[in-house]
Amino acid sequence: MSDTTKLKTKQTVTRGEAAEYLMALARALASTEGGEIELAGQRVTVQAADPVQAEIEIETGGPKSEIEIELSWATAGPSH
């Protein structure tokens, strides 16, 4: 059985709050020990392994600007 956690949220925050969340995520990613971040009222531990695959998309010029960041990495799962 898989021990998977998936959290997703969509909310309106201030620019400063968005920056604080991104900085907390950056600290967790940079640490070799990982770190905890809060999302959707829950705390989750993020511990990334090298290499990290990064997909970044920036859209500007319309009535709304958008930045999407997707990060993925291999995790050591149980061997069967």
PDB file of N, CA and C in Angstrom:
ATOM      1  N   MET A   1       0.842  -1.164   0.000  1.00  0.00           N
ATOM      2  CA  MET A   1       0.000   0.000   0.000  1.00  0.00           C
ATOM      3  C   MET A   1       0.891   1.233   0.000  1.00  0.00           C
ATOM      4  N   SER A   2       0.512   2.232  -0.758  1.00  0.00           N
ATOM      5  CA  SER A   2       1.305   3.439  -0.914  1.00  0.00           C
ATOM      6  C   SER A   2       0.983   4.448   0.179  1.00  0.00           C
ATOM      7  N   ASP A   3       2.025   5.128   0.675  1.00  0.00           N
ATOM      8  CA  ASP A   3       1.865   6.177   1.675  1.00  0.00           C
ATOM      9  C   ASP A   3       2.008   7.514   0.955  1.00  0.00           C
ATOM     10  N   THR A   4       0.984   7.916   0.222  1.00  0.00           N
ATOM     11  CA  THR A   4       1.024   9.106  -0.607  1.00  0.00           C
ATOM     12  C   THR A   4       0.190  10.215   0.014  1.00  0.00           C
ATOM     13  N   THR A   5       0.737  11.440  -0.023  1.00  0.00           N
ATOM     14  CA  THR A   5       0.011  12.617   0.442  1.00  0.00           C
ATOM     15  C   THR A   5      -0.164  13.546  -0.737  1.00  0.00           C
ATOM     16  N   LYS A   6      -1.380  14.018  -0.959  1.00  0.00           N
ATOM     17  CA  LYS A   6      -1.637  14.984  -2.026  1.00  0.00           C
ATOM     18  C   LYS A   6      -2.514  16.081  -1.455  1.00  0.00           C
ATOM     19  N   LEU A   7      -2.005  17.297  -1.484  1.00  0.00           N
ATOM     20  CA  LEU A   7      -2.754  18.461  -1.028  1.00  0.00           C
ATOM     21  C   LEU A   7      -2.826  19.448  -2.171  1.00  0.00           C
ATOM     22  N   LYS A   8      -3.963  20.083  -2.326  1.00  0.00           N
ATOM     23  CA  LYS A   8      -4.129  21.079  -3.377  1.00  0.00           C
ATOM     24  C   LYS A   8      -5.036  22.170  -2.831  1.00  0.00           C
ATOM     25  N   THR A   9      -4.693  23.417  -3.121  1.00  0.00           N
ATOM     26  CA  THR A   9      -5.510  24.522  -2.666  1.00  0.00           C
ATOM     27  C   THR A   9      -5.478  25.639  -3.695  1.00  0.00           C
ATOM     28  N   LYS A  10      -6.520  26.417  -3.711  1.00  0.00           N
ATOM     29  CA  LYS A  10      -6.578  27.615  -4.539  1.00  0.00           C
ATOM     30  C   LYS A  10      -7.198  28.687  -3.671  1.00  0.00           C
ATOM     31  N   GLN A  11      -6.432  29.752  -3.416  1.00  0.00           N
ATOM     32  CA  GLN A  11      -6.928  30.800  -2.540  1.00  0.00           C
ATOM     33  C   GLN A  11      -6.326  32.131  -2.942  1.00  0.00           C
ATOM     34  N   THR A  12      -6.956  33.188  -2.520  1.00  0.00           N
ATOM     35  CA  THR A  12      -6.449  34.530  -2.769  1.00  0.00           C
ATOM     36  C   THR A  12      -5.638  34.959  -1.553  1.00  0.00           C
ATOM     37  N   VAL A  13      -4.383  35.344  -1.803  1.00  0.00           N
ATOM     38  CA  VAL A  13      -3.487  35.808  -0.744  1.00  0.00           C
ATOM     39  C   VAL A  13      -2.819  37.094  -1.210  1.00  0.00           C
ATOM     40  N   THR A  14      -2.168  37.783  -0.285  1.00  0.00           N
ATOM     41  CA  THR A  14      -1.433  38.978  -0.683  1.00  0.00           C
ATOM     42  C   THR A  14      -0.152  38.555  -1.407  1.00  0.00           C
ATOM     43  N   ARG A  15       0.435  39.479  -2.125  1.00  0.00           N
ATOM     44  CA  ARG A  15       1.693  39.215  -2.804  1.00  0.00           C
ATOM     45  C   ARG A  15       2.756  38.802  -1.780  1.00  0.00           C
ATOM     46  N   GLY A  16       2.772  39.456  -0.626  1.00  0.00           N
ATOM     47  CA  GLY A  16       3.718  39.120   0.434  1.00  0.00           C
ATOM     48  C   GLY A  16       3.526  37.711   0.972  1.00  0.00           C
ATOM     49  N   GLU A  17       2.259  37.307   1.153  1.00  0.00           N
ATOM     50  CA  GLU A  17       1.976  35.948   1.624  1.00  0.00           C
ATOM     51  C   GLU A  17       2.411  34.906   0.589  1.00  0.00           C
ATOM     52  N   ALA A  18       2.198  35.203  -0.683  1.00  0.00           N
ATOM     53  CA  ALA A  18       2.640  34.289  -1.737  1.00  0.00           C
ATOM     54  C   ALA A  18       4.164  34.159  -1.712  1.00  0.00           C
ATOM     55  N   ALA A  19       4.848  35.278  -1.524  1.00  0.00           N
ATOM     56  CA  ALA A  19       6.311  35.260  -1.460  1.00  0.00           C
ATOM     57  C   ALA A  19       6.795  34.465  -0.256  1.00  0.00           C
ATOM     58  N   GLU A  20       6.148  34.624   0.902  1.00  0.00           N
ATOM     59  CA  GLU A  20       6.531  33.869   2.099  1.00  0.00           C
ATOM     60  C   GLU A  20       6.374  32.368   1.871  1.00  0.00           C
ATOM     61  N   TYR A  21       5.297  31.960   1.219  1.00  0.00           N
ATOM     62  CA  TYR A  21       5.083  30.543   0.931  1.00  0.00           C
ATOM     63  C   TYR A  21       6.192  30.021   0.015  1.00  0.00           C
ATOM     64  N   LEU A  22       6.517  30.781  -1.025  1.00  0.00           N
ATOM     65  CA  LEU A  22       7.573  30.357  -1.943  1.00  0.00           C
ATOM     66  C   LEU A  22       8.926  30.280  -1.245  1.00  0.00           C
ATOM     67  N   MET A  23       9.206  31.212  -0.331  1.00  0.00           N
ATOM     68  CA  MET A  23      10.472  31.178   0.409  1.00  0.00           C
ATOM     69  C   MET A  23      10.531  29.964   1.342  1.00  0.00           C
ATOM     70  N   ALA A  24       9.415  29.621   1.984  1.00  0.00           N
ATOM     71  CA  ALA A  24       9.373  28.433   2.845  1.00  0.00           C
ATOM     72  C   ALA A  24       9.603  27.177   2.017  1.00  0.00           C
ATOM     73  N   LEU A  25       8.995  27.128   0.845  1.00  0.00           N
ATOM     74  CA  LEU A  25       9.195  25.999  -0.053  1.00  0.00           C
ATOM     75  C   LEU A  25      10.648  25.926  -0.509  1.00  0.00           C
ATOM     76  N   ALA A  26      11.243  27.067  -0.839  1.00  0.00           N
ATOM     77  CA  ALA A  26      12.644  27.113  -1.263  1.00  0.00           C
ATOM     78  C   ALA A  26      13.565  26.619  -0.150  1.00  0.00           C
ATOM     79  N   ARG A  27      13.306  27.026   1.093  1.00  0.00           N
ATOM     80  CA  ARG A  27      14.128  26.563   2.221  1.00  0.00           C
ATOM     81  C   ARG A  27      14.029  25.041   2.375  1.00  0.00           C
ATOM     82  N   ALA A  28      12.825  24.499   2.247  1.00  0.00           N
ATOM     83  CA  ALA A  28      12.630  23.049   2.365  1.00  0.00           C
ATOM     84  C   ALA A  28      13.358  22.321   1.238  1.00  0.00           C
ATOM     85  N   LEU A  29      13.299  22.857   0.035  1.00  0.00           N
ATOM     86  CA  LEU A  29      13.975  22.221  -1.100  1.00  0.00           C
ATOM     87  C   LEU A  29      15.489  22.288  -0.958  1.00  0.00           C
ATOM     88  N   ALA A  30      16.009  23.398  -0.456  1.00  0.00           N
ATOM     89  CA  ALA A  30      17.449  23.598  -0.349  1.00  0.00           C
ATOM     90  C   ALA A  30      18.076  22.756   0.759  1.00  0.00           C
ATOM     91  N   SER A  31      17.310  22.445   1.794  1.00  0.00           N
ATOM     92  CA  SER A  31      17.841  21.703   2.934  1.00  0.00           C
ATOM     93  C   SER A  31      18.003  20.230   2.593  1.00  0.00           C
ATOM     94  N   THR A  32      19.149  19.672   2.944  1.00  0.00           N
ATOM     95  CA  THR A  32      19.355  18.239   2.725  1.00  0.00           C
ATOM     96  C   THR A  32      18.460  17.405   3.632  1.00  0.00           C
ATOM     97  N   GLU A  33      17.947  18.021   4.705  1.00  0.00           N
ATOM     98  CA  GLU A  33      17.053  17.326   5.623  1.00  0.00           C
ATOM     99  C   GLU A  33      15.584  17.578   5.301  1.00  0.00           C
ATOM    100  N   GLY A  34      15.306  18.425   4.306  1.00  0.00           N
ATOM    101  CA  GLY A  34      13.933  18.753   3.966  1.00  0.00           C
ATOM    102  C   GLY A  34      13.358  19.743   4.951  1.00  0.00           C
ATOM    103  N   GLY A  35      12.070  19.938   4.886  1.00  0.00           N
ATOM    104  CA  GLY A  35      11.407  20.860   5.787  1.00  0.00           C
ATOM    105  C   GLY A  35       9.908  20.731   5.677  1.00  0.00           C
ATOM    106  N   GLU A  36       9.215  21.333   6.628  1.00  0.00           N
ATOM    107  CA  GLU A  36       7.760  21.289   6.633  1.00  0.00           C
ATOM    108  C   GLU A  36       7.198  22.580   6.059  1.00  0.00           C
ATOM    109  N   ILE A  37       6.147  22.451   5.260  1.00  0.00           N
ATOM    110  CA  ILE A  37       5.414  23.612   4.783  1.00  0.00           C
ATOM    111  C   ILE A  37       3.941  23.372   5.077  1.00  0.00           C
ATOM    112  N   GLU A  38       3.181  24.450   5.133  1.00  0.00           N
ATOM    113  CA  GLU A  38       1.756  24.338   5.396  1.00  0.00           C
ATOM    114  C   GLU A  38       0.993  24.657   4.123  1.00  0.00           C
ATOM    115  N   LEU A  39       0.042  23.803   3.802  1.00  0.00           N
ATOM    116  CA  LEU A  39      -0.805  23.992   2.636  1.00  0.00           C
ATOM    117  C   LEU A  39      -2.184  23.480   2.979  1.00  0.00           C
ATOM    118  N   ALA A  40      -3.186  24.274   2.679  1.00  0.00           N
ATOM    119  CA  ALA A  40      -4.580  23.894   2.924  1.00  0.00           C
ATOM    120  C   ALA A  40      -4.809  23.530   4.388  1.00  0.00           C
ATOM    121  N   GLY A  41      -4.125  24.241   5.301  1.00  0.00           N
ATOM    122  CA  GLY A  41      -4.313  24.009   6.715  1.00  0.00           C
ATOM    123  C   GLY A  41      -3.629  22.773   7.254  1.00  0.00           C
ATOM    124  N   GLN A  42      -2.822  22.100   6.431  1.00  0.00           N
ATOM    125  CA  GLN A  42      -2.112  20.904   6.870  1.00  0.00           C
ATOM    126  C   GLN A  42      -0.621  21.096   6.661  1.00  0.00           C
ATOM    127  N   ARG A  43       0.171  20.460   7.502  1.00  0.00           N
ATOM    128  CA  ARG A  43       1.619  20.527   7.365  1.00  0.00           C
ATOM    129  C   ARG A  43       2.095  19.272   6.644  1.00  0.00           C
ATOM    130  N   VAL A  44       3.008  19.460   5.704  1.00  0.00           N
ATOM    131  CA  VAL A  44       3.552  18.343   4.946  1.00  0.00           C
ATOM    132  C   VAL A  44       5.071  18.502   4.885  1.00  0.00           C
ATOM    133  N   THR A  45       5.781  17.393   5.005  1.00  0.00           N
ATOM    134  CA  THR A  45       7.234  17.414   4.915  1.00  0.00           C
ATOM    135  C   THR A  45       7.638  17.275   3.456  1.00  0.00           C
ATOM    136  N   VAL A  46       8.519  18.184   3.033  1.00  0.00           N
ATOM    137  CA  VAL A  46       9.038  18.158   1.670  1.00  0.00           C
ATOM    138  C   VAL A  46      10.528  17.861   1.758  1.00  0.00           C
ATOM    139  N   GLN A  47      10.957  16.774   1.131  1.00  0.00           N
ATOM    140  CA  GLN A  47      12.369  16.420   1.103  1.00  0.00           C
ATOM    141  C   GLN A  47      12.688  15.964  -0.313  1.00  0.00           C
ATOM    142  N   ALA A  48      13.330  16.844  -1.067  1.00  0.00           N
ATOM    143  CA  ALA A  48      13.633  16.569  -2.466  1.00  0.00           C
ATOM    144  C   ALA A  48      15.006  15.932  -2.603  1.00  0.00           C
ATOM    145  N   ALA A  49      15.133  15.063  -3.591  1.00  0.00           N
ATOM    146  CA  ALA A  49      16.415  14.438  -3.924  1.00  0.00           C
ATOM    147  C   ALA A  49      16.896  15.000  -5.254  1.00  0.00           C
ATOM    148  N   ASP A  50      18.194  15.056  -5.423  1.00  0.00           N
ATOM    149  CA  ASP A  50      18.751  15.468  -6.715  1.00  0.00           C
ATOM    150  C   ASP A  50      18.646  14.322  -7.691  1.00  0.00           C
ATOM    151  N   PRO A  51      18.445  14.572  -8.939  1.00  0.00           N
ATOM    152  CA  PRO A  51      18.135  15.863  -9.547  1.00  0.00           C
ATOM    153  C   PRO A  51      16.644  16.171  -9.454  1.00  0.00           C
ATOM    154  N   VAL A  52      16.330  17.456  -9.559  1.00  0.00           N
ATOM    155  CA  VAL A  52      14.948  17.913  -9.559  1.00  0.00           C
ATOM    156  C   VAL A  52      14.607  18.369 -10.975  1.00  0.00           C
ATOM    157  N   GLN A  53      13.505  17.878 -11.494  1.00  0.00           N
ATOM    158  CA  GLN A  53      13.008  18.299 -12.803  1.00  0.00           C
ATOM    159  C   GLN A  53      12.125  19.510 -12.583  1.00  0.00           C
ATOM    160  N   ALA A  54      12.438  20.636 -13.233  1.00  0.00           N
ATOM    161  CA  ALA A  54      11.676  21.866 -13.055  1.00  0.00           C
ATOM    162  C   ALA A  54      10.993  22.258 -14.353  1.00  0.00           C
ATOM    163  N   GLU A  55       9.702  22.513 -14.269  1.00  0.00           N
ATOM    164  CA  GLU A  55       8.929  23.005 -15.408  1.00  0.00           C
ATOM    165  C   GLU A  55       8.307  24.328 -14.975  1.00  0.00           C
ATOM    166  N   ILE A  56       8.672  25.409 -15.671  1.00  0.00           N
ATOM    167  CA  ILE A  56       8.215  26.748 -15.290  1.00  0.00           C
ATOM    168  C   ILE A  56       7.547  27.396 -16.495  1.00  0.00           C
ATOM    169  N   GLU A  57       6.368  27.925 -16.266  1.00  0.00           N
ATOM    170  CA  GLU A  57       5.607  28.579 -17.330  1.00  0.00           C
ATOM    171  C   GLU A  57       5.165  29.951 -16.834  1.00  0.00           C
ATOM    172  N   ILE A  58       5.443  30.979 -17.628  1.00  0.00           N
ATOM    173  CA  ILE A  58       5.045  32.344 -17.283  1.00  0.00           C
ATOM    174  C   ILE A  58       4.203  32.893 -18.425  1.00  0.00           C
ATOM    175  N   GLU A  59       3.027  33.393 -18.104  1.00  0.00           N
ATOM    176  CA  GLU A  59       2.140  34.006 -19.087  1.00  0.00           C
ATOM    177  C   GLU A  59       1.870  35.448 -18.664  1.00  0.00           C
ATOM    178  N   THR A  60       2.150  36.386 -19.551  1.00  0.00           N
ATOM    179  CA  THR A  60       1.871  37.798 -19.287  1.00  0.00           C
ATOM    180  C   THR A  60       1.263  38.427 -20.530  1.00  0.00           C
ATOM    181  N   GLY A  61       0.773  39.633 -20.394  1.00  0.00           N
ATOM    182  CA  GLY A  61       0.288  40.369 -21.552  1.00  0.00           C
ATOM    183  C   GLY A  61      -1.212  40.410 -21.705  1.00  0.00           C
ATOM    184  N   GLY A  62      -1.934  39.570 -21.019  1.00  0.00           N
ATOM    185  CA  GLY A  62      -3.390  39.581 -21.107  1.00  0.00           C
ATOM    186  C   GLY A  62      -3.974  40.287 -19.892  1.00  0.00           C
ATOM    187  N   PRO A  63      -5.257  40.066 -19.659  1.00  0.00           N
ATOM    188  CA  PRO A  63      -5.900  40.681 -18.497  1.00  0.00           C
ATOM    189  C   PRO A  63      -5.447  40.050 -17.172  1.00  0.00           C
ATOM    190  N   LYS A  64      -4.763  38.913 -17.259  1.00  0.00           N
ATOM    191  CA  LYS A  64      -4.308  38.190 -16.071  1.00  0.00           C
ATOM    192  C   LYS A  64      -2.930  37.603 -16.356  1.00  0.00           C
ATOM    193  N   SER A  65      -2.011  37.735 -15.421  1.00  0.00           N
ATOM    194  CA  SER A  65      -0.692  37.110 -15.554  1.00  0.00           C
ATOM    195  C   SER A  65      -0.660  35.862 -14.686  1.00  0.00           C
ATOM    196  N   GLU A  66       0.185  34.918 -15.078  1.00  0.00           N
ATOM    197  CA  GLU A  66       0.209  33.641 -14.363  1.00  0.00           C
ATOM    198  C   GLU A  66       1.606  33.049 -14.397  1.00  0.00           C
ATOM    199  N   ILE A  67       2.011  32.463 -13.276  1.00  0.00           N
ATOM    200  CA  ILE A  67       3.259  31.707 -13.186  1.00  0.00           C
ATOM    201  C   ILE A  67       2.901  30.320 -12.654  1.00  0.00           C
ATOM    202  N   GLU A  68       3.314  29.304 -13.370  1.00  0.00           N
ATOM    203  CA  GLU A  68       3.114  27.931 -12.911  1.00  0.00           C
ATOM    204  C   GLU A  68       4.484  27.294 -12.724  1.00  0.00           C
ATOM    205  N   ILE A  69       4.688  26.669 -11.573  1.00  0.00           N
ATOM    206  CA  ILE A  69       5.947  25.999 -11.279  1.00  0.00           C
ATOM    207  C   ILE A  69       5.619  24.563 -10.893  1.00  0.00           C
ATOM    208  N   GLU A  70       6.224  23.625 -11.588  1.00  0.00           N
ATOM    209  CA  GLU A  70       6.044  22.217 -11.261  1.00  0.00           C
ATOM    210  C   GLU A  70       7.421  21.608 -11.052  1.00  0.00           C
ATOM    211  N   LEU A  71       7.620  21.011  -9.880  1.00  0.00           N
ATOM    212  CA  LEU A  71       8.889  20.379  -9.535  1.00  0.00           C
ATOM    213  C   LEU A  71       8.630  18.916  -9.265  1.00  0.00           C
ATOM    214  N   SER A  72       9.517  18.059  -9.751  1.00  0.00           N
ATOM    215  CA  SER A  72       9.375  16.621  -9.471  1.00  0.00           C
ATOM    216  C   SER A  72      10.756  15.999  -9.303  1.00  0.00           C
ATOM    217  N   TRP A  73      10.803  14.905  -8.542  1.00  0.00           N
ATOM    218  CA  TRP A  73      12.040  14.190  -8.305  1.00  0.00           C
ATOM    219  C   TRP A  73      11.695  12.759  -7.944  1.00  0.00           C
ATOM    220  N   ALA A  74      12.675  11.902  -8.091  1.00  0.00           N
ATOM    221  CA  ALA A  74      12.483  10.492  -7.757  1.00  0.00           C
ATOM    222  C   ALA A  74      12.487  10.327  -6.243  1.00  0.00           C
ATOM    223  N   THR A  75      11.653   9.443  -5.760  1.00  0.00           N
ATOM    224  CA  THR A  75      11.658   9.100  -4.344  1.00  0.00           C
ATOM    225  C   THR A  75      12.026   7.634  -4.205  1.00  0.00           C
ATOM    226  N   ALA A  76      12.644   7.327  -3.116  1.00  0.00           N
ATOM    227  CA  ALA A  76      13.002   5.924  -2.857  1.00  0.00           C
ATOM    228  C   ALA A  76      11.778   5.222  -2.329  1.00  0.00           C
ATOM    229  N   GLY A  77      11.206   4.390  -3.148  1.00  0.00           N
ATOM    230  CA  GLY A  77      10.020   3.644  -2.737  1.00  0.00           C
ATOM    231  C   GLY A  77      10.395   2.255  -2.275  1.00  0.00           C
ATOM    232  N   PRO A  78       9.446   1.530  -1.722  1.00  0.00           N
ATOM    233  CA  PRO A  78       9.734   0.173  -1.287  1.00  0.00           C
ATOM    234  C   PRO A  78      10.007  -0.722  -2.482  1.00  0.00           C
ATOM    235  N   SER A  79      10.993  -1.586  -2.376  1.00  0.00           N
ATOM    236  CA  SER A  79      11.293  -2.511  -3.485  1.00  0.00           C
ATOM    237  C   SER A  79      10.489  -3.781  -3.318  1.00  0.00           C
ATOM    238  N   HIS A  80      10.036  -4.263  -4.437  1.00  0.00           N
ATOM    239  CA  HIS A  80       9.249  -5.514  -4.430  1.00  0.00           C
ATOM    240  C   HIS A  80       9.959  -6.550  -5.237  1.00  0.00           C
TER     241      HIS A  80
END
